[in-house]
């Protein structure tokens, strides 16, 4: 099944309008859709190649190469996220949206992959801001996320 994250996150954000998790401005809405699509179709699959290489090759000997390339590709994606956050409080600018916790998922995956996440200053700053949100912290504690140890 194809990745449903953009559809589900935008649905939830629009369903609970009082939470203001979705931008009202049409330009920002387009940027939100773009970010969610990129997260789902590029960043997530890059990690999947690292985390589940057997899904991408029937050759057991080739799985290690798939994993190695997946880690490199995923690291490149994390660097892109870091760059997209330069000078911004949140993924889309000054408004917290569903894009921000989605980006945080990949930060945690980077930690699990033993990537040098602290080298990503803007991304680490986003992580720190998200950790100040009680709902985010509760979920991460429930999941026993490595993000809490990186704080």
N, C-alpha and C. Protein backbone atom coordinates (compact mmCIF):
# COMPACT_ATOMS: atom_id res chain seq x y z
N UNK A 1 0.84 -1.18 0.00
CA UNK A 1 0.00 0.00 0.00
C UNK A 1 0.89 1.24 0.00
N UNK A 2 0.50 2.22 -0.76
CA UNK A 2 1.29 3.46 -0.81
C UNK A 2 1.13 4.24 0.49
N UNK A 3 2.04 5.13 0.70
CA UNK A 3 2.10 5.89 1.94
C UNK A 3 0.92 6.86 2.06
N UNK A 4 0.19 6.74 3.14
CA UNK A 4 -1.01 7.56 3.37
C UNK A 4 -0.75 8.78 4.26
N UNK A 5 0.49 8.98 4.69
CA UNK A 5 0.76 10.04 5.65
C UNK A 5 0.30 11.43 5.22
N UNK A 6 0.57 11.89 4.00
CA UNK A 6 0.10 13.24 3.65
C UNK A 6 -1.42 13.38 3.73
N UNK A 7 -2.11 12.39 3.25
CA UNK A 7 -3.57 12.44 3.26
C UNK A 7 -4.10 12.44 4.70
N UNK A 8 -3.56 11.56 5.53
CA UNK A 8 -4.05 11.45 6.90
C UNK A 8 -3.69 12.66 7.74
N UNK A 9 -2.47 13.14 7.61
CA UNK A 9 -2.08 14.30 8.43
C UNK A 9 -2.86 15.54 8.02
N UNK A 10 -3.07 15.75 6.74
CA UNK A 10 -3.85 16.93 6.33
C UNK A 10 -5.31 16.78 6.76
N UNK A 11 -5.84 15.57 6.70
CA UNK A 11 -7.22 15.33 7.13
C UNK A 11 -7.38 15.68 8.62
N UNK A 12 -6.50 15.15 9.43
CA UNK A 12 -6.59 15.40 10.88
C UNK A 12 -6.45 16.90 11.16
N UNK A 13 -5.49 17.54 10.52
CA UNK A 13 -5.29 18.97 10.73
C UNK A 13 -6.52 19.78 10.34
N UNK A 14 -7.15 19.40 9.24
CA UNK A 14 -8.33 20.14 8.78
C UNK A 14 -9.58 19.79 9.59
N UNK A 15 -9.62 18.60 10.13
CA UNK A 15 -10.76 18.17 10.96
C UNK A 15 -10.79 18.94 12.28
N UNK A 16 -9.61 19.19 12.83
CA UNK A 16 -9.51 19.87 14.12
C UNK A 16 -8.93 21.27 13.89
N UNK A 17 -9.72 22.09 13.24
CA UNK A 17 -9.26 23.42 12.83
C UNK A 17 -8.84 24.30 14.01
N UNK A 18 -9.45 24.10 15.17
CA UNK A 18 -9.11 24.94 16.32
C UNK A 18 -7.65 24.75 16.76
N UNK A 19 -7.06 23.62 16.43
CA UNK A 19 -5.66 23.38 16.79
C UNK A 19 -4.70 24.14 15.87
N UNK A 20 -5.18 24.64 14.76
CA UNK A 20 -4.38 25.42 13.80
C UNK A 20 -3.11 24.68 13.36
N UNK A 21 -3.30 23.42 12.98
CA UNK A 21 -2.18 22.59 12.53
C UNK A 21 -1.99 22.62 11.02
N UNK A 22 -2.87 23.35 10.33
CA UNK A 22 -2.80 23.44 8.87
C UNK A 22 -2.83 24.91 8.48
N UNK A 23 -1.97 25.33 7.57
CA UNK A 23 -1.96 26.75 7.20
C UNK A 23 -3.21 27.17 6.44
N UNK A 24 -3.63 28.41 6.67
CA UNK A 24 -4.78 28.97 5.95
C UNK A 24 -4.36 29.62 4.63
N UNK A 25 -3.16 30.15 4.60
CA UNK A 25 -2.64 30.80 3.41
C UNK A 25 -2.43 29.76 2.30
N UNK A 26 -2.94 30.00 1.09
CA UNK A 26 -2.81 29.02 0.01
C UNK A 26 -1.37 28.68 -0.36
N UNK A 27 -0.47 29.65 -0.29
CA UNK A 27 0.94 29.39 -0.60
C UNK A 27 1.54 28.47 0.46
N UNK A 28 1.26 28.75 1.73
CA UNK A 28 1.77 27.88 2.80
C UNK A 28 1.12 26.50 2.75
N UNK A 29 -0.15 26.46 2.35
CA UNK A 29 -0.81 25.16 2.21
C UNK A 29 -0.12 24.33 1.14
N UNK A 30 0.24 24.95 0.04
CA UNK A 30 0.96 24.25 -1.03
C UNK A 30 2.32 23.77 -0.52
N UNK A 31 3.00 24.60 0.27
CA UNK A 31 4.29 24.19 0.84
C UNK A 31 4.11 23.04 1.82
N UNK A 32 3.01 23.04 2.58
CA UNK A 32 2.74 21.94 3.52
C UNK A 32 2.53 20.63 2.74
N UNK A 33 1.73 20.69 1.70
CA UNK A 33 1.49 19.49 0.88
C UNK A 33 2.80 19.00 0.27
N UNK A 34 3.61 19.92 -0.22
CA UNK A 34 4.89 19.57 -0.81
C UNK A 34 5.81 18.91 0.22
N UNK A 35 5.90 19.50 1.41
CA UNK A 35 6.77 18.93 2.45
C UNK A 35 6.29 17.54 2.85
N UNK A 36 4.99 17.37 3.07
CA UNK A 36 4.46 16.07 3.47
C UNK A 36 4.69 15.02 2.38
N UNK A 37 4.51 15.43 1.12
CA UNK A 37 4.73 14.49 0.01
C UNK A 37 6.21 14.09 -0.05
N UNK A 38 7.11 15.05 0.09
CA UNK A 38 8.54 14.75 0.04
C UNK A 38 8.94 13.85 1.21
N UNK A 39 8.44 14.17 2.39
CA UNK A 39 8.73 13.31 3.55
C UNK A 39 8.30 11.87 3.28
N UNK A 40 7.12 11.72 2.68
CA UNK A 40 6.55 10.39 2.48
C UNK A 40 7.15 9.63 1.30
N UNK A 41 7.52 10.34 0.25
CA UNK A 41 7.96 9.65 -0.97
C UNK A 41 9.47 9.61 -1.15
N UNK A 42 10.20 10.38 -0.38
CA UNK A 42 11.65 10.41 -0.53
C UNK A 42 12.35 10.07 0.78
N UNK A 43 12.05 10.82 1.83
CA UNK A 43 12.76 10.64 3.10
C UNK A 43 12.44 9.28 3.72
N UNK A 44 11.16 8.97 3.84
CA UNK A 44 10.75 7.70 4.44
C UNK A 44 11.31 6.50 3.66
N UNK A 45 11.17 6.46 2.34
CA UNK A 45 11.75 5.33 1.60
C UNK A 45 13.27 5.23 1.73
N UNK A 46 13.95 6.35 1.84
CA UNK A 46 15.41 6.29 2.01
C UNK A 46 15.75 5.54 3.29
N UNK A 47 15.01 5.83 4.36
CA UNK A 47 15.27 5.12 5.60
C UNK A 47 14.87 3.65 5.47
N UNK A 48 13.81 3.39 4.74
CA UNK A 48 13.37 2.00 4.55
C UNK A 48 14.45 1.16 3.90
N UNK A 49 15.19 1.74 2.98
CA UNK A 49 16.30 1.01 2.36
C UNK A 49 17.37 0.65 3.39
N UNK A 50 17.57 1.53 4.37
CA UNK A 50 18.52 1.26 5.45
C UNK A 50 17.94 0.25 6.44
N UNK A 51 16.71 0.48 6.86
CA UNK A 51 16.11 -0.33 7.92
C UNK A 51 15.59 -1.68 7.48
N UNK A 52 15.19 -1.79 6.23
CA UNK A 52 14.60 -3.03 5.70
C UNK A 52 15.17 -3.36 4.33
N UNK A 53 16.48 -3.53 4.21
CA UNK A 53 17.07 -3.74 2.88
C UNK A 53 16.56 -4.99 2.18
N UNK A 54 16.11 -5.97 2.93
CA UNK A 54 15.62 -7.21 2.33
C UNK A 54 14.37 -6.98 1.48
N UNK A 55 13.70 -5.87 1.69
CA UNK A 55 12.53 -5.54 0.87
C UNK A 55 12.91 -5.08 -0.53
N UNK A 56 14.19 -4.75 -0.73
CA UNK A 56 14.62 -4.13 -1.98
C UNK A 56 15.57 -4.98 -2.80
N UNK A 57 15.88 -6.16 -2.31
CA UNK A 57 16.70 -7.08 -3.09
C UNK A 57 16.44 -8.50 -2.62
N UNK A 58 16.43 -9.41 -3.56
CA UNK A 58 16.30 -10.83 -3.22
C UNK A 58 17.67 -11.44 -2.96
N UNK A 59 18.69 -10.69 -3.28
CA UNK A 59 20.07 -11.14 -3.13
C UNK A 59 20.56 -10.81 -1.72
N UNK A 60 20.74 -11.83 -0.89
CA UNK A 60 21.17 -11.61 0.49
C UNK A 60 22.49 -10.85 0.55
N UNK A 61 23.38 -11.13 -0.39
CA UNK A 61 24.67 -10.44 -0.41
C UNK A 61 24.49 -8.96 -0.78
N UNK A 62 23.47 -8.66 -1.55
CA UNK A 62 23.22 -7.28 -1.96
C UNK A 62 22.54 -6.43 -0.91
N UNK A 63 21.95 -7.08 0.09
CA UNK A 63 21.22 -6.35 1.12
C UNK A 63 22.11 -5.35 1.85
N UNK A 64 23.35 -5.72 2.08
CA UNK A 64 24.25 -4.81 2.80
C UNK A 64 24.54 -3.56 1.97
N UNK A 65 24.66 -3.72 0.67
CA UNK A 65 24.88 -2.55 -0.20
C UNK A 65 23.63 -1.66 -0.25
N UNK A 66 22.46 -2.28 -0.28
CA UNK A 66 21.21 -1.51 -0.24
C UNK A 66 21.15 -0.72 1.07
N UNK A 67 21.48 -1.39 2.16
CA UNK A 67 21.46 -0.74 3.47
C UNK A 67 22.44 0.42 3.52
N UNK A 68 23.63 0.21 3.03
CA UNK A 68 24.67 1.25 3.03
C UNK A 68 24.24 2.46 2.22
N UNK A 69 23.71 2.21 1.01
CA UNK A 69 23.26 3.32 0.18
C UNK A 69 22.05 4.01 0.79
N UNK A 70 21.14 3.23 1.38
CA UNK A 70 19.98 3.82 2.04
C UNK A 70 20.38 4.77 3.16
N UNK A 71 21.39 4.39 3.93
CA UNK A 71 21.86 5.25 5.02
C UNK A 71 22.45 6.54 4.47
N UNK A 72 23.21 6.45 3.39
CA UNK A 72 23.79 7.65 2.77
C UNK A 72 22.68 8.56 2.23
N UNK A 73 21.72 7.97 1.56
CA UNK A 73 20.63 8.74 0.99
C UNK A 73 19.80 9.39 2.09
N UNK A 74 19.52 8.63 3.15
CA UNK A 74 18.74 9.16 4.27
C UNK A 74 19.49 10.33 4.92
N UNK A 75 20.79 10.19 5.11
CA UNK A 75 21.59 11.27 5.69
C UNK A 75 21.50 12.52 4.81
N UNK A 76 21.55 12.34 3.51
CA UNK A 76 21.40 13.48 2.61
C UNK A 76 20.05 14.16 2.78
N UNK A 77 19.00 13.37 2.97
CA UNK A 77 17.66 13.92 3.20
C UNK A 77 17.62 14.71 4.51
N UNK A 78 18.25 14.18 5.55
CA UNK A 78 18.27 14.87 6.84
C UNK A 78 19.01 16.20 6.73
N UNK A 79 20.07 16.21 5.93
CA UNK A 79 20.79 17.47 5.69
C UNK A 79 19.91 18.47 4.95
N UNK A 80 19.10 17.98 4.02
CA UNK A 80 18.16 18.87 3.31
C UNK A 80 17.12 19.44 4.27
N UNK A 81 16.62 18.61 5.19
CA UNK A 81 15.66 19.10 6.18
C UNK A 81 16.32 20.19 7.03
N UNK A 82 17.56 19.95 7.44
CA UNK A 82 18.29 20.94 8.22
C UNK A 82 18.37 22.26 7.45
N UNK A 83 18.68 22.20 6.17
CA UNK A 83 18.78 23.41 5.35
C UNK A 83 17.44 24.11 5.18
N UNK A 84 16.36 23.33 5.06
CA UNK A 84 15.05 23.95 4.88
C UNK A 84 14.59 24.65 6.15
N UNK A 85 15.22 24.33 7.29
CA UNK A 85 14.85 24.93 8.58
C UNK A 85 15.69 26.16 8.93
N UNK A 86 16.72 26.43 8.18
CA UNK A 86 17.60 27.57 8.50
C UNK A 86 16.77 28.86 8.55
N UNK A 87 16.88 29.56 9.68
CA UNK A 87 16.19 30.83 9.85
C UNK A 87 14.70 30.72 10.12
N UNK A 88 14.22 29.50 10.34
CA UNK A 88 12.79 29.30 10.58
C UNK A 88 12.57 28.70 11.96
N UNK A 89 11.43 29.01 12.52
CA UNK A 89 11.05 28.39 13.79
C UNK A 89 10.48 27.00 13.56
N UNK A 90 9.69 26.87 12.50
CA UNK A 90 9.02 25.61 12.17
C UNK A 90 9.27 25.30 10.69
N UNK A 91 8.87 24.13 10.24
CA UNK A 91 9.10 23.72 8.86
C UNK A 91 8.56 24.75 7.86
N UNK A 92 7.37 25.29 8.12
CA UNK A 92 6.77 26.24 7.18
C UNK A 92 7.06 27.70 7.55
N UNK A 93 7.82 27.93 8.58
CA UNK A 93 8.12 29.31 8.98
C UNK A 93 7.77 29.56 10.42
N UNK A 94 6.77 30.43 10.65
CA UNK A 94 6.44 30.81 12.02
C UNK A 94 5.27 30.04 12.62
N UNK A 95 4.59 29.21 11.82
CA UNK A 95 3.43 28.47 12.32
C UNK A 95 3.76 27.00 12.50
N UNK A 96 3.48 26.49 13.69
CA UNK A 96 3.58 25.05 13.96
C UNK A 96 2.48 24.36 13.16
N UNK A 97 2.85 23.31 12.42
CA UNK A 97 1.87 22.55 11.63
C UNK A 97 2.15 21.05 11.78
N UNK A 98 1.34 20.25 11.13
CA UNK A 98 1.55 18.80 11.14
C UNK A 98 2.89 18.41 10.51
N UNK A 99 3.50 19.31 9.75
CA UNK A 99 4.80 19.02 9.14
C UNK A 99 5.90 18.87 10.20
N UNK A 100 5.77 19.57 11.31
CA UNK A 100 6.83 19.58 12.32
C UNK A 100 6.97 18.26 13.06
N UNK A 101 5.90 17.68 13.60
CA UNK A 101 6.09 16.37 14.24
C UNK A 101 6.48 15.27 13.24
N UNK A 102 6.03 15.43 11.99
CA UNK A 102 6.43 14.46 10.96
C UNK A 102 7.95 14.53 10.77
N UNK A 103 8.49 15.75 10.71
CA UNK A 103 9.94 15.91 10.59
C UNK A 103 10.67 15.33 11.79
N UNK A 104 10.06 15.42 12.96
CA UNK A 104 10.69 14.90 14.18
C UNK A 104 10.86 13.38 14.13
N UNK A 105 9.95 12.69 13.47
CA UNK A 105 10.06 11.24 13.32
C UNK A 105 11.41 10.89 12.68
N UNK A 106 11.77 11.61 11.64
CA UNK A 106 13.02 11.32 10.94
C UNK A 106 14.25 11.66 11.78
N UNK A 107 14.12 12.64 12.64
CA UNK A 107 15.22 12.96 13.56
C UNK A 107 15.50 11.74 14.45
N UNK A 108 14.43 11.16 14.97
CA UNK A 108 14.58 9.96 15.81
C UNK A 108 15.16 8.79 15.03
N UNK A 109 14.75 8.64 13.79
CA UNK A 109 15.31 7.56 12.97
C UNK A 109 16.79 7.79 12.71
N UNK A 110 17.17 9.05 12.54
CA UNK A 110 18.58 9.37 12.37
C UNK A 110 19.40 8.97 13.59
N UNK A 111 18.83 9.19 14.77
CA UNK A 111 19.50 8.76 16.00
C UNK A 111 19.64 7.24 16.03
N UNK A 112 18.57 6.55 15.67
CA UNK A 112 18.60 5.08 15.65
C UNK A 112 19.64 4.55 14.67
N UNK A 113 19.87 5.30 13.59
CA UNK A 113 20.85 4.89 12.58
C UNK A 113 22.26 5.34 12.96
N UNK A 114 22.40 5.93 14.13
CA UNK A 114 23.70 6.41 14.63
C UNK A 114 24.31 7.48 13.72
N UNK A 115 23.46 8.31 13.15
CA UNK A 115 23.92 9.42 12.33
C UNK A 115 24.22 10.61 13.24
N UNK A 116 25.13 11.49 12.84
CA UNK A 116 25.54 12.62 13.69
C UNK A 116 24.50 13.75 13.70
N UNK A 117 23.37 13.49 14.32
CA UNK A 117 22.26 14.43 14.30
C UNK A 117 22.61 15.78 14.93
N UNK A 118 23.49 15.80 15.90
CA UNK A 118 23.87 17.07 16.54
C UNK A 118 24.57 18.00 15.56
N UNK A 119 25.10 17.45 14.46
CA UNK A 119 25.74 18.28 13.45
C UNK A 119 24.72 19.10 12.66
N UNK A 120 23.46 18.75 12.78
CA UNK A 120 22.39 19.43 12.06
C UNK A 120 21.77 20.46 13.00
N UNK A 121 22.37 21.64 13.03
CA UNK A 121 21.99 22.66 14.02
C UNK A 121 20.56 23.13 13.94
N UNK A 122 20.07 23.44 12.76
CA UNK A 122 18.69 23.93 12.63
C UNK A 122 17.69 22.82 12.93
N UNK A 123 18.01 21.62 12.51
CA UNK A 123 17.13 20.47 12.76
C UNK A 123 17.12 20.15 14.26
N UNK A 124 18.26 20.20 14.89
CA UNK A 124 18.34 19.96 16.34
C UNK A 124 17.57 21.03 17.11
N UNK A 125 17.62 22.26 16.64
CA UNK A 125 16.86 23.34 17.28
C UNK A 125 15.35 23.08 17.14
N UNK A 126 14.91 22.57 15.98
CA UNK A 126 13.50 22.20 15.82
C UNK A 126 13.14 21.12 16.82
N UNK A 127 13.99 20.12 16.93
CA UNK A 127 13.77 19.04 17.90
C UNK A 127 13.61 19.61 19.31
N UNK A 128 14.48 20.53 19.69
CA UNK A 128 14.42 21.13 21.02
C UNK A 128 13.12 21.90 21.23
N UNK A 129 12.68 22.64 20.22
CA UNK A 129 11.41 23.37 20.33
C UNK A 129 10.23 22.40 20.47
N UNK A 130 10.28 21.32 19.71
CA UNK A 130 9.20 20.34 19.79
C UNK A 130 9.17 19.65 21.15
N UNK A 131 10.32 19.43 21.74
CA UNK A 131 10.37 18.80 23.07
C UNK A 131 9.75 19.67 24.16
N UNK A 132 9.63 20.96 23.90
CA UNK A 132 9.00 21.87 24.86
C UNK A 132 7.48 21.78 24.82
N UNK A 133 6.96 21.11 23.83
CA UNK A 133 5.50 20.96 23.70
C UNK A 133 5.07 19.73 24.51
N UNK A 134 4.22 19.92 25.52
CA UNK A 134 3.85 18.80 26.40
C UNK A 134 3.29 17.58 25.67
N UNK A 135 2.48 17.78 24.65
CA UNK A 135 1.89 16.64 23.93
C UNK A 135 2.97 15.84 23.21
N UNK A 136 3.94 16.54 22.62
CA UNK A 136 5.03 15.87 21.93
C UNK A 136 5.84 15.05 22.94
N UNK A 137 6.17 15.68 24.07
CA UNK A 137 6.96 14.99 25.09
C UNK A 137 6.24 13.74 25.61
N UNK A 138 4.93 13.86 25.83
CA UNK A 138 4.16 12.70 26.32
C UNK A 138 4.25 11.53 25.35
N UNK A 139 4.08 11.81 24.07
CA UNK A 139 4.14 10.74 23.07
C UNK A 139 5.52 10.11 23.03
N UNK A 140 6.56 10.94 23.03
CA UNK A 140 7.92 10.42 22.97
C UNK A 140 8.26 9.60 24.22
N UNK A 141 7.76 10.02 25.36
CA UNK A 141 7.98 9.24 26.59
C UNK A 141 7.26 7.89 26.49
N UNK A 142 6.04 7.91 26.00
CA UNK A 142 5.27 6.67 25.84
C UNK A 142 5.99 5.71 24.89
N UNK A 143 6.58 6.26 23.82
CA UNK A 143 7.30 5.45 22.83
C UNK A 143 8.73 5.12 23.26
N UNK A 144 9.18 5.69 24.36
CA UNK A 144 10.57 5.54 24.82
C UNK A 144 11.53 5.92 23.70
N UNK A 145 11.26 7.06 23.10
CA UNK A 145 12.02 7.53 21.95
C UNK A 145 13.45 7.90 22.30
N UNK A 146 14.40 7.59 21.42
CA UNK A 146 15.80 8.01 21.63
C UNK A 146 15.94 9.54 21.56
N UNK A 147 14.95 10.21 21.05
CA UNK A 147 15.01 11.67 20.96
C UNK A 147 15.13 12.29 22.35
N UNK A 148 14.50 11.67 23.33
CA UNK A 148 14.56 12.20 24.69
C UNK A 148 15.97 12.14 25.27
N UNK A 149 16.74 11.15 24.86
CA UNK A 149 18.11 11.02 25.33
C UNK A 149 19.04 12.00 24.63
N UNK A 150 18.61 12.48 23.46
CA UNK A 150 19.44 13.40 22.68
C UNK A 150 19.17 14.86 23.09
N UNK A 151 18.29 15.05 24.04
CA UNK A 151 17.91 16.41 24.44
C UNK A 151 19.01 17.11 25.19
